[in-house]
C-alpha atoms as a PDB file:
ATOM      1  CA  MET A   1     -32.505   1.084   6.207  1.00  0.00           C
ATOM      2  CA  LEU A   2     -29.558   0.339   8.252  1.00  0.00           C
ATOM      3  CA  PRO A   3     -27.404  -1.996   8.497  1.00  0.00           C
ATOM      4  CA  PRO A   4     -26.324  -1.456   5.024  1.00  0.00           C
ATOM      5  CA  SER A   5     -25.262  -4.211   2.885  1.00  0.00           C
ATOM      6  CA  ILE A   6     -22.397  -5.818   3.215  1.00  0.00           C
ATOM      7  CA  ASP A   7     -21.438  -4.897  -0.844  1.00  0.00           C
ATOM      8  CA  GLU A   8     -22.876  -1.644   0.568  1.00  0.00           C
ATOM      9  CA  LEU A   9     -19.861  -1.406   3.143  1.00  0.00           C
ATOM     10  CA  ASN A  10     -17.470  -2.510   0.793  1.00  0.00           C
ATOM     11  CA  GLU A  11     -17.637   0.409  -1.273  1.00  0.00           C
ATOM     12  CA  VAL A  12     -17.913   3.412   1.329  1.00  0.00           C
ATOM     13  CA  LEU A  13     -15.290   1.004   3.379  1.00  0.00           C
ATOM     14  CA  ALA A  14     -11.573   0.445   2.609  1.00  0.00           C
ATOM     15  CA  PHE A  15      -9.252  -1.972   5.276  1.00  0.00           C
ATOM     16  CA  VAL A  16      -6.239  -1.365   4.667  1.00  0.00           C
ATOM     17  CA  TYR A  17      -3.443  -3.949   6.452  1.00  0.00           C
ATOM     18  CA  ILE A  18      -0.013  -2.324   5.722  1.00  0.00           C
ATOM     19  CA  GLY A  19       2.905  -4.785   7.343  1.00  0.00           C
ATOM     20  CA  GLU A  20       5.258  -7.456   7.570  1.00  0.00           C
ATOM     21  CA  ASN A  21       2.725 -10.388   7.037  1.00  0.00           C
ATOM     22  CA  SER A  22      -1.330 -11.156   6.591  1.00  0.00           C
ATOM     23  CA  PRO A  23      -2.986  -9.738   9.298  1.00  0.00           C
ATOM     24  CA  THR A  24      -3.718 -12.962  12.192  1.00  0.00           C
ATOM     25  CA  ASP A  25      -6.526 -13.262  14.440  1.00  0.00           C
ATOM     26  CA  ALA A  26      -4.856 -11.463  16.826  1.00  0.00           C
ATOM     27  CA  ASP A  27      -4.303  -8.518  14.734  1.00  0.00           C
ATOM     28  CA  PHE A  28      -8.169  -8.281  13.974  1.00  0.00           C
ATOM     29  CA  GLN A  29      -8.958  -8.904  17.477  1.00  0.00           C
ATOM     30  CA  ARG A  30      -6.735  -4.785  18.243  1.00  0.00           C
ATOM     31  CA  THR A  31      -8.595  -3.251  15.085  1.00  0.00           C
ATOM     32  CA  PRO A  32     -12.083  -0.643  15.356  1.00  0.00           C
ATOM     33  CA  MET A  33     -13.208  -3.200  12.501  1.00  0.00           C
ATOM     34  CA  LEU A  34     -14.673  -6.068  14.415  1.00  0.00           C
ATOM     35  CA  VAL A  35     -18.502  -6.959  13.888  1.00  0.00           C
ATOM     36  CA  ARG A  36     -20.380  -9.059  16.176  1.00  0.00           C
ATOM     37  CA  ARG A  37     -23.989  -9.512  14.196  1.00  0.00           C
ATOM     38  CA  ASN A  38     -26.047 -10.286  17.084  1.00  0.00           C
ATOM     39  CA  VAL A  39     -24.745  -7.025  18.789  1.00  0.00           C
ATOM     40  CA  VAL A  40     -25.748  -4.873  15.564  1.00  0.00           C
ATOM     41  CA  ALA A  41     -29.157  -6.592  15.739  1.00  0.00           C
ATOM     42  CA  LYS A  42     -28.893  -4.991  19.618  1.00  0.00           C
ATOM     43  CA  ALA A  43     -28.304  -1.644  19.040  1.00  0.00           C
ATOM     44  CA  LEU A  44     -29.725  -0.790  16.351  1.00  0.00           C
ATOM     45  CA  ASP A  45     -32.884  -2.449  17.738  1.00  0.00           C
ATOM     46  CA  TRP A  46     -31.808  -0.367  21.218  1.00  0.00           C
ATOM     47  CA  LEU A  47     -31.593   2.803  18.548  1.00  0.00           C
ATOM     48  CA  LYS A  48     -35.215   2.012  17.492  1.00  0.00           C
ATOM     49  CA  LEU A  49     -36.411   2.191  20.356  1.00  0.00           C
ATOM     50  CA  ASN A  50     -34.416   5.027  22.320  1.00  0.00           C
ATOM     51  CA  HIS A  51     -33.187   7.522  19.898  1.00  0.00           C
ATOM     52  CA  ILE A  52     -36.438   9.565  19.075  1.00  0.00           C
ATOM     53  CA  ASP A  53     -34.841  10.440  15.222  1.00  0.00           C
ATOM     54  CA  TYR A  54     -34.421   6.692  14.489  1.00  0.00           C
ATOM     55  CA  HIS A  55     -38.250   5.907  15.865  1.00  0.00           C
ATOM     56  CA  ASP A  56     -39.278   4.928  11.456  1.00  0.00           C
ATOM     57  CA  LEU A  57     -35.339   2.837  11.177  1.00  0.00           C
ATOM     58  CA  TYR A  58     -36.461  -0.050   8.949  1.00  0.00           C
ATOM     59  CA  ILE A  59     -34.233  -3.499  10.210  1.00  0.00           C
ATOM     60  CA  SER A  60     -32.760  -4.893   7.333  1.00  0.00           C
ATOM     61  CA  ASP A  61     -32.441  -8.919   8.491  1.00  0.00           C
ATOM     62  CA  LYS A  62     -31.443  -9.685   4.715  1.00  0.00           C
ATOM     63  CA  ASN A  63     -29.126  -7.367   4.993  1.00  0.00           C
ATOM     64  CA  LEU A  64     -28.032  -8.522   9.008  1.00  0.00           C
ATOM     65  CA  GLU A  65     -27.801 -12.167   7.993  1.00  0.00           C
ATOM     66  CA  SER A  66     -25.072 -11.264   5.392  1.00  0.00           C
ATOM     67  CA  TYR A  67     -22.906  -9.656   8.022  1.00  0.00           C
ATOM     68  CA  PRO A  68     -20.304 -12.158   9.543  1.00  0.00           C
ATOM     69  CA  LEU A  69     -21.240 -13.524  12.939  1.00  0.00           C
ATOM     70  CA  ALA A  70     -18.430 -12.124  14.641  1.00  0.00           C
ATOM     71  CA  GLY A  71     -15.070 -10.629  12.411  1.00  0.00           C
ATOM     72  CA  VAL A  72     -14.533  -8.259   9.424  1.00  0.00           C
ATOM     73  CA  PRO A  73     -17.297  -7.681   7.722  1.00  0.00           C
ATOM     74  CA  VAL A  74     -15.427  -6.402   4.507  1.00  0.00           C
ATOM     75  CA  VAL A  75     -12.388  -7.298   1.972  1.00  0.00           C
ATOM     76  CA  VAL A  76      -9.562  -7.067   3.922  1.00  0.00           C
ATOM     77  CA  ASP A  77      -6.767  -5.333   1.474  1.00  0.00           C
ATOM     78  CA  PHE A  78      -3.337  -6.457   2.519  1.00  0.00           C
ATOM     79  CA  ARG A  79      -0.395  -4.476   1.174  1.00  0.00           C
ATOM     80  CA  GLN A  80       2.999  -6.017   2.615  1.00  0.00           C
ATOM     81  CA  ARG A  81       5.776  -3.295   3.443  1.00  0.00           C
ATOM     82  CA  THR A  82       9.360  -3.579   2.146  1.00  0.00           C
ATOM     83  CA  ASP A  83      11.492  -1.253   4.251  1.00  0.00           C
ATOM     84  CA  GLY A  84      11.327  -3.893   7.179  1.00  0.00           C
ATOM     85  CA  GLY A  85       9.602  -1.323   9.471  1.00  0.00           C
ATOM     86  CA  ASN A  86       6.906   0.725  10.339  1.00  0.00           C
ATOM     87  CA  ARG A  87       9.473   4.358  10.821  1.00  0.00           C
ATOM     88  CA  GLU A  88      10.167   7.309   8.812  1.00  0.00           C
ATOM     89  CA  LYS A  89      13.581   6.483   7.323  1.00  0.00           C
ATOM     90  CA  LEU A  90      14.190  10.060   7.372  1.00  0.00           C
ATOM     91  CA  ALA A  91      12.505  11.191  10.206  1.00  0.00           C
ATOM     92  CA  GLN A  92      14.976   9.333  12.464  1.00  0.00           C
ATOM     93  CA  SER A  93      18.344  10.526  13.544  1.00  0.00           C
ATOM     94  CA  GLN A  94      21.220   8.668  13.204  1.00  0.00           C
ATOM     95  CA  HIS A  95      21.537   8.087  17.310  1.00  0.00           C
ATOM     96  CA  ASP A  96      17.698   6.163  17.176  1.00  0.00           C
ATOM     97  CA  THR A  97      18.311   2.712  16.977  1.00  0.00           C
ATOM     98  CA  GLU A  98      14.888   0.893  17.894  1.00  0.00           C
ATOM     99  CA  PRO A  99      13.223  -0.674  15.411  1.00  0.00           C
ATOM    100  CA  GLU A 100       9.404   0.055  15.489  1.00  0.00           C
ATOM    101  CA  GLU A 101       7.155   2.338  16.965  1.00  0.00           C
ATOM    102  CA  GLY A 102       3.581   1.449  18.272  1.00  0.00           C
ATOM    103  CA  THR A 103       2.209  -1.043  20.728  1.00  0.00           C
ATOM    104  CA  SER A 104       2.217  -4.678  21.099  1.00  0.00           C
ATOM    105  CA  SER A 105      -0.668  -5.036  23.145  1.00  0.00           C
ATOM    106  CA  GLY A 106      -4.199  -3.522  24.112  1.00  0.00           C
ATOM    107  CA  PRO A 107      -6.171  -1.509  21.543  1.00  0.00           C
ATOM    108  CA  CYS A 108      -4.148   0.627  18.473  1.00  0.00           C
ATOM    109  CA  SER A 109      -5.363   4.512  17.933  1.00  0.00           C
ATOM    110  CA  PHE A 110      -6.664   4.509  14.111  1.00  0.00           C
ATOM    111  CA  ALA A 111      -7.067   7.286  12.070  1.00  0.00           C
ATOM    112  CA  VAL A 112     -10.115   8.207   9.226  1.00  0.00           C
ATOM    113  CA  SER A 113      -8.319   9.344   5.855  1.00  0.00           C
ATOM    114  CA  GLY A 114     -10.047  10.512   2.852  1.00  0.00           C
ATOM    115  CA  LEU A 115      -9.779  11.819  -0.998  1.00  0.00           C
ATOM    116  CA  THR A 116     -10.614  15.182  -1.955  1.00  0.00           C
ATOM    117  CA  GLY A 117     -10.323  17.847  -4.698  1.00  0.00           C
ATOM    118  CA  VAL A 118     -11.123  18.475  -8.197  1.00  0.00           C
ATOM    119  CA  GLU A 119      -9.911  15.678  -9.737  1.00  0.00           C
ATOM    120  CA  TYR A 120     -11.242  13.020  -7.758  1.00  0.00           C
ATOM    121  CA  GLU A 121     -14.911  14.062  -7.971  1.00  0.00           C
ATOM    122  CA  ASN A 122     -15.530  11.674 -11.642  1.00  0.00           C
ATOM    123  CA  MET A 123     -13.547   8.887 -10.173  1.00  0.00           C
ATOM    124  CA  SER A 124     -15.611   5.459  -9.076  1.00  0.00           C
ATOM    125  CA  VAL A 125     -15.486   4.365  -5.441  1.00  0.00           C
ATOM    126  CA  ALA A 126     -12.707   1.330  -7.386  1.00  0.00           C
ATOM    127  CA  ALA A 127     -10.784   3.958  -8.235  1.00  0.00           C
ATOM    128  CA  LEU A 128     -10.220   5.916  -5.080  1.00  0.00           C
ATOM    129  CA  LYS A 129      -9.049   2.987  -4.041  1.00  0.00           C
ATOM    130  CA  ALA A 130      -6.066   2.455  -6.306  1.00  0.00           C
ATOM    131  CA  LYS A 131      -5.328   6.290  -6.459  1.00  0.00           C
ATOM    132  CA  ALA A 132      -5.417   5.851  -2.450  1.00  0.00           C
ATOM    133  CA  LEU A 133      -3.417   2.249  -1.938  1.00  0.00           C
ATOM    134  CA  ASN A 134      -0.823   3.559  -4.158  1.00  0.00           C
ATOM    135  CA  HIS A 135      -0.318   6.918  -2.537  1.00  0.00           C
ATOM    136  CA  LEU A 136      -0.168   4.095   0.333  1.00  0.00           C
ATOM    137  CA  ALA A 137       2.307   2.276  -0.798  1.00  0.00           C
ATOM    138  CA  THR A 138       5.248   4.939  -2.530  1.00  0.00           C
ATOM    139  CA  GLN A 139       5.253   6.449   1.355  1.00  0.00           C
ATOM    140  CA  GLY A 140       3.116   9.270   0.791  1.00  0.00           C
ATOM    141  CA  ASN A 141       2.265  11.921   3.422  1.00  0.00           C
ATOM    142  CA  VAL A 142      -0.826  11.760   5.059  1.00  0.00           C
ATOM    143  CA  LEU A 143      -2.808  15.385   6.470  1.00  0.00           C
ATOM    144  CA  ALA A 144      -6.011  15.447   8.710  1.00  0.00           C
ATOM    145  CA  VAL A 145      -8.103  18.853   8.702  1.00  0.00           C
ATOM    146  CA  GLY A 146     -10.863  20.095  10.482  1.00  0.00           C
ATOM    147  CA  ARG A 147     -13.656  20.990   8.381  1.00  0.00           C
ATOM    148  CA  SER A 148     -15.711  22.641  11.209  1.00  0.00           C
ATOM    149  CA  SER A 149     -15.658  26.081  12.884  1.00  0.00           C
ATOM    150  CA  PHE A 150     -17.945  25.151  15.214  1.00  0.00           C
ATOM    151  CA  PRO A 151     -16.988  22.118  17.007  1.00  0.00           C
ATOM    152  CA  GLU A 152     -20.143  19.346  18.064  1.00  0.00           C
ATOM    153  CA  SER A 153     -19.281  18.354  21.110  1.00  0.00           C
ATOM    154  CA  ILE A 154     -19.359  15.115  21.576  1.00  0.00           C
ATOM    155  CA  TYR A 155     -20.531  14.717  25.271  1.00  0.00           C
ATOM    156  CA  ASP A 156     -24.361  14.299  26.280  1.00  0.00           C
ATOM    157  CA  ASN A 157     -25.176  15.503  22.646  1.00  0.00           C
ATOM    158  CA  PRO A 158     -27.604  11.862  20.948  1.00  0.00           C
ATOM    159  CA  GLN A 159     -28.390  14.107  17.891  1.00  0.00           C
ATOM    160  CA  LEU A 160     -24.665  14.436  16.682  1.00  0.00           C
ATOM    161  CA  TYR A 161     -24.678  11.173  14.467  1.00  0.00           C
ATOM    162  CA  PRO A 162     -27.732  11.764  12.889  1.00  0.00           C
ATOM    163  CA  GLN A 163     -26.800  14.910  11.874  1.00  0.00           C
ATOM    164  CA  MET A 164     -23.172  13.828  10.709  1.00  0.00           C
ATOM    165  CA  PHE A 165     -25.826  12.469   7.259  1.00  0.00           C
END
């Protein structure tokens, strides 16, 4: 059944915004988290008609109606930075005086991260989110590691998304 309910999305998806101020509508326009209910409905209809792995897909009108007409479908958790910038102080030379790194217009890149390990396997989703937020709030380091010795091609591979589940 697709799309998942808003409650299910909140269980598996955390949108943490870290910055000087709470995110504005302009900030949301630059994130990959925007959802338009009608576009989701059309995409699911197309997927059901055009992809063999989704021919028996049940599209939940109830879940679709719970999505906003446009906007972020999950709770946005805002954490205010206290150091006054987005640069790692220890990684800057004394001659590097630029206050910020990043883009001020256009799309922003993003990274997907997760927690793994034996110590996390029995934690609730809420506890995992709290642990991740604490790690970010205390300026913890992050490392992303690939998982397969045989990468999947994203070019002309309609089976890729169903294989992920």
